[in-house]
N, C-alpha and C. Protein backbone atom coordinates (compact mmCIF):
# COMPACT_ATOMS: atom_id res chain seq x y z
N UNK A 1 -17.68 4.85 1.58
CA UNK A 1 -16.47 5.18 2.30
C UNK A 1 -15.42 5.70 1.33
N UNK A 2 -14.50 6.48 1.86
CA UNK A 2 -13.45 7.04 1.04
C UNK A 2 -12.09 6.47 1.39
N UNK A 3 -12.07 5.22 1.79
CA UNK A 3 -10.81 4.58 2.15
C UNK A 3 -10.06 4.17 0.89
N UNK A 4 -8.76 4.09 1.03
CA UNK A 4 -7.93 3.67 -0.10
C UNK A 4 -7.59 2.19 0.01
N UNK A 5 -7.24 1.61 -1.12
CA UNK A 5 -6.75 0.24 -1.18
C UNK A 5 -5.29 0.27 -1.61
N UNK A 6 -4.50 -0.69 -1.09
CA UNK A 6 -3.09 -0.76 -1.41
C UNK A 6 -2.84 -1.93 -2.35
N UNK A 7 -1.99 -1.68 -3.35
CA UNK A 7 -1.65 -2.69 -4.35
C UNK A 7 -0.14 -2.76 -4.49
N UNK A 8 0.36 -3.96 -4.81
CA UNK A 8 1.77 -4.15 -5.10
C UNK A 8 1.91 -4.38 -6.59
N UNK A 9 2.77 -3.58 -7.22
CA UNK A 9 2.99 -3.67 -8.67
C UNK A 9 4.21 -4.54 -8.94
N UNK A 10 3.98 -5.67 -9.61
CA UNK A 10 5.06 -6.55 -10.02
C UNK A 10 4.82 -6.98 -11.45
N UNK A 11 5.82 -6.80 -12.29
CA UNK A 11 5.73 -7.17 -13.70
C UNK A 11 4.46 -6.62 -14.35
N UNK A 12 4.20 -5.34 -14.12
CA UNK A 12 3.04 -4.64 -14.69
C UNK A 12 1.70 -5.20 -14.26
N UNK A 13 1.66 -5.92 -13.13
CA UNK A 13 0.41 -6.46 -12.60
C UNK A 13 0.22 -5.93 -11.18
N UNK A 14 -0.99 -5.44 -10.89
CA UNK A 14 -1.30 -4.95 -9.55
C UNK A 14 -1.98 -6.05 -8.75
N UNK A 15 -1.41 -6.33 -7.57
CA UNK A 15 -1.98 -7.33 -6.67
C UNK A 15 -2.46 -6.62 -5.42
N UNK A 16 -3.71 -6.85 -5.05
CA UNK A 16 -4.29 -6.21 -3.87
C UNK A 16 -3.57 -6.68 -2.61
N UNK A 17 -3.14 -5.72 -1.79
CA UNK A 17 -2.49 -6.03 -0.51
C UNK A 17 -3.47 -5.90 0.65
N UNK A 18 -4.18 -4.77 0.68
CA UNK A 18 -5.06 -4.48 1.80
C UNK A 18 -6.07 -3.41 1.40
N UNK A 19 -7.30 -3.60 1.81
CA UNK A 19 -8.36 -2.62 1.53
C UNK A 19 -8.62 -1.77 2.77
N UNK A 20 -9.31 -0.67 2.56
CA UNK A 20 -9.75 0.23 3.64
C UNK A 20 -8.57 0.74 4.48
N UNK A 21 -7.53 1.21 3.79
CA UNK A 21 -6.34 1.72 4.47
C UNK A 21 -6.70 2.99 5.23
N UNK A 22 -6.39 2.98 6.51
CA UNK A 22 -6.61 4.14 7.35
C UNK A 22 -5.31 4.89 7.59
N UNK A 23 -4.20 4.15 7.61
CA UNK A 23 -2.93 4.72 8.03
C UNK A 23 -1.80 3.93 7.40
N UNK A 24 -0.74 4.62 6.98
CA UNK A 24 0.49 3.92 6.65
C UNK A 24 1.67 4.78 7.03
N UNK A 25 2.75 4.09 7.40
CA UNK A 25 3.98 4.80 7.75
C UNK A 25 5.16 4.08 7.13
N UNK A 26 6.16 4.86 6.82
CA UNK A 26 7.33 4.34 6.13
C UNK A 26 8.56 4.45 7.03
N UNK A 27 9.34 3.38 7.04
CA UNK A 27 10.65 3.42 7.67
C UNK A 27 11.68 3.30 6.54
N UNK A 28 12.91 3.00 6.86
CA UNK A 28 13.95 2.96 5.83
C UNK A 28 13.65 2.00 4.68
N UNK A 29 13.20 0.80 5.00
CA UNK A 29 12.99 -0.18 3.93
C UNK A 29 11.69 -0.97 4.10
N UNK A 30 10.76 -0.43 4.86
CA UNK A 30 9.50 -1.14 5.09
C UNK A 30 8.36 -0.14 5.27
N UNK A 31 7.19 -0.57 4.85
CA UNK A 31 5.99 0.26 5.03
C UNK A 31 4.97 -0.55 5.83
N UNK A 32 4.41 0.08 6.84
CA UNK A 32 3.37 -0.55 7.65
C UNK A 32 2.01 0.01 7.24
N UNK A 33 1.11 -0.89 6.84
CA UNK A 33 -0.24 -0.52 6.44
C UNK A 33 -1.22 -0.95 7.53
N UNK A 34 -2.20 -0.10 7.83
CA UNK A 34 -3.20 -0.43 8.83
C UNK A 34 -4.58 -0.09 8.26
N UNK A 35 -5.49 -1.06 8.31
CA UNK A 35 -6.85 -0.84 7.81
C UNK A 35 -7.73 -0.25 8.91
N UNK A 36 -8.92 0.20 8.55
CA UNK A 36 -9.86 0.75 9.53
C UNK A 36 -10.34 -0.33 10.51
N UNK A 37 -10.11 -1.59 10.15
CA UNK A 37 -10.51 -2.71 11.00
C UNK A 37 -9.37 -3.20 11.88
N UNK A 38 -8.22 -2.53 11.81
CA UNK A 38 -7.08 -2.89 12.64
C UNK A 38 -6.16 -3.93 12.03
N UNK A 39 -6.47 -4.41 10.84
CA UNK A 39 -5.60 -5.37 10.16
C UNK A 39 -4.32 -4.65 9.74
N UNK A 40 -3.18 -5.30 9.94
CA UNK A 40 -1.89 -4.69 9.61
C UNK A 40 -1.10 -5.57 8.67
N UNK A 41 -0.32 -4.92 7.80
CA UNK A 41 0.63 -5.60 6.92
C UNK A 41 1.88 -4.78 6.86
N UNK A 42 3.02 -5.45 6.86
CA UNK A 42 4.31 -4.81 6.66
C UNK A 42 4.86 -5.30 5.34
N UNK A 43 5.29 -4.37 4.52
CA UNK A 43 5.83 -4.74 3.21
C UNK A 43 7.15 -4.04 2.97
N UNK A 44 8.02 -4.70 2.25
CA UNK A 44 9.30 -4.11 1.85
C UNK A 44 9.09 -3.51 0.46
N UNK A 45 8.72 -2.25 0.44
CA UNK A 45 8.34 -1.60 -0.81
C UNK A 45 8.49 -0.09 -0.67
N UNK A 46 8.30 0.57 -1.80
CA UNK A 46 8.27 2.03 -1.82
C UNK A 46 7.01 2.46 -2.57
N UNK A 47 6.56 3.66 -2.33
CA UNK A 47 5.36 4.17 -3.00
C UNK A 47 5.71 4.50 -4.45
N UNK A 48 4.92 3.96 -5.36
CA UNK A 48 5.06 4.29 -6.78
C UNK A 48 4.10 5.41 -7.13
N UNK A 49 2.80 5.23 -6.83
CA UNK A 49 1.80 6.27 -7.07
C UNK A 49 0.76 6.27 -5.96
N UNK A 50 0.16 7.43 -5.78
CA UNK A 50 -0.91 7.61 -4.82
C UNK A 50 -1.98 8.45 -5.49
N UNK A 51 -3.17 7.87 -5.64
CA UNK A 51 -4.27 8.59 -6.26
C UNK A 51 -5.39 8.76 -5.24
N UNK A 52 -5.56 9.98 -4.76
CA UNK A 52 -6.62 10.24 -3.80
C UNK A 52 -8.00 10.15 -4.45
N UNK A 53 -8.09 10.55 -5.69
CA UNK A 53 -9.37 10.50 -6.40
C UNK A 53 -9.82 9.06 -6.63
N UNK A 54 -8.87 8.18 -6.98
CA UNK A 54 -9.19 6.77 -7.23
C UNK A 54 -9.10 5.92 -5.96
N UNK A 55 -8.66 6.51 -4.85
CA UNK A 55 -8.52 5.79 -3.57
C UNK A 55 -7.58 4.60 -3.73
N UNK A 56 -6.44 4.84 -4.34
CA UNK A 56 -5.53 3.76 -4.69
C UNK A 56 -4.09 4.15 -4.38
N UNK A 57 -3.40 3.25 -3.66
CA UNK A 57 -1.97 3.42 -3.38
C UNK A 57 -1.25 2.24 -4.03
N UNK A 58 -0.29 2.54 -4.89
CA UNK A 58 0.45 1.49 -5.57
C UNK A 58 1.88 1.51 -5.08
N UNK A 59 2.35 0.34 -4.64
CA UNK A 59 3.70 0.17 -4.12
C UNK A 59 4.53 -0.66 -5.08
N UNK A 60 5.84 -0.42 -5.09
CA UNK A 60 6.80 -1.22 -5.85
C UNK A 60 7.69 -1.95 -4.86
N UNK A 61 7.94 -3.23 -5.09
CA UNK A 61 8.85 -3.95 -4.17
C UNK A 61 10.24 -3.33 -4.21
N UNK A 62 10.91 -3.35 -3.09
CA UNK A 62 12.30 -2.89 -3.05
C UNK A 62 13.18 -3.97 -3.66
N UNK A 63 14.18 -3.54 -4.43
CA UNK A 63 15.12 -4.52 -4.98
C UNK A 63 16.14 -4.87 -3.92
N UNK A 64 16.54 -6.12 -3.91
CA UNK A 64 17.50 -6.59 -2.89
C UNK A 64 18.89 -6.15 -3.16
């Protein structure tokens, strides 16, 4: 499969949030992730990097 995985970057450490990302959408201060299995997560973050070749999306938490 060519699905991407989402990670949260905190203190130079990547923590897996969700695998097999099918869809994500961004609002003002939140991102909704949806997997191919229908699992959803909402995170308060912004996109740091997106690598289509590595199938990896890295998010940074929003500062309060």
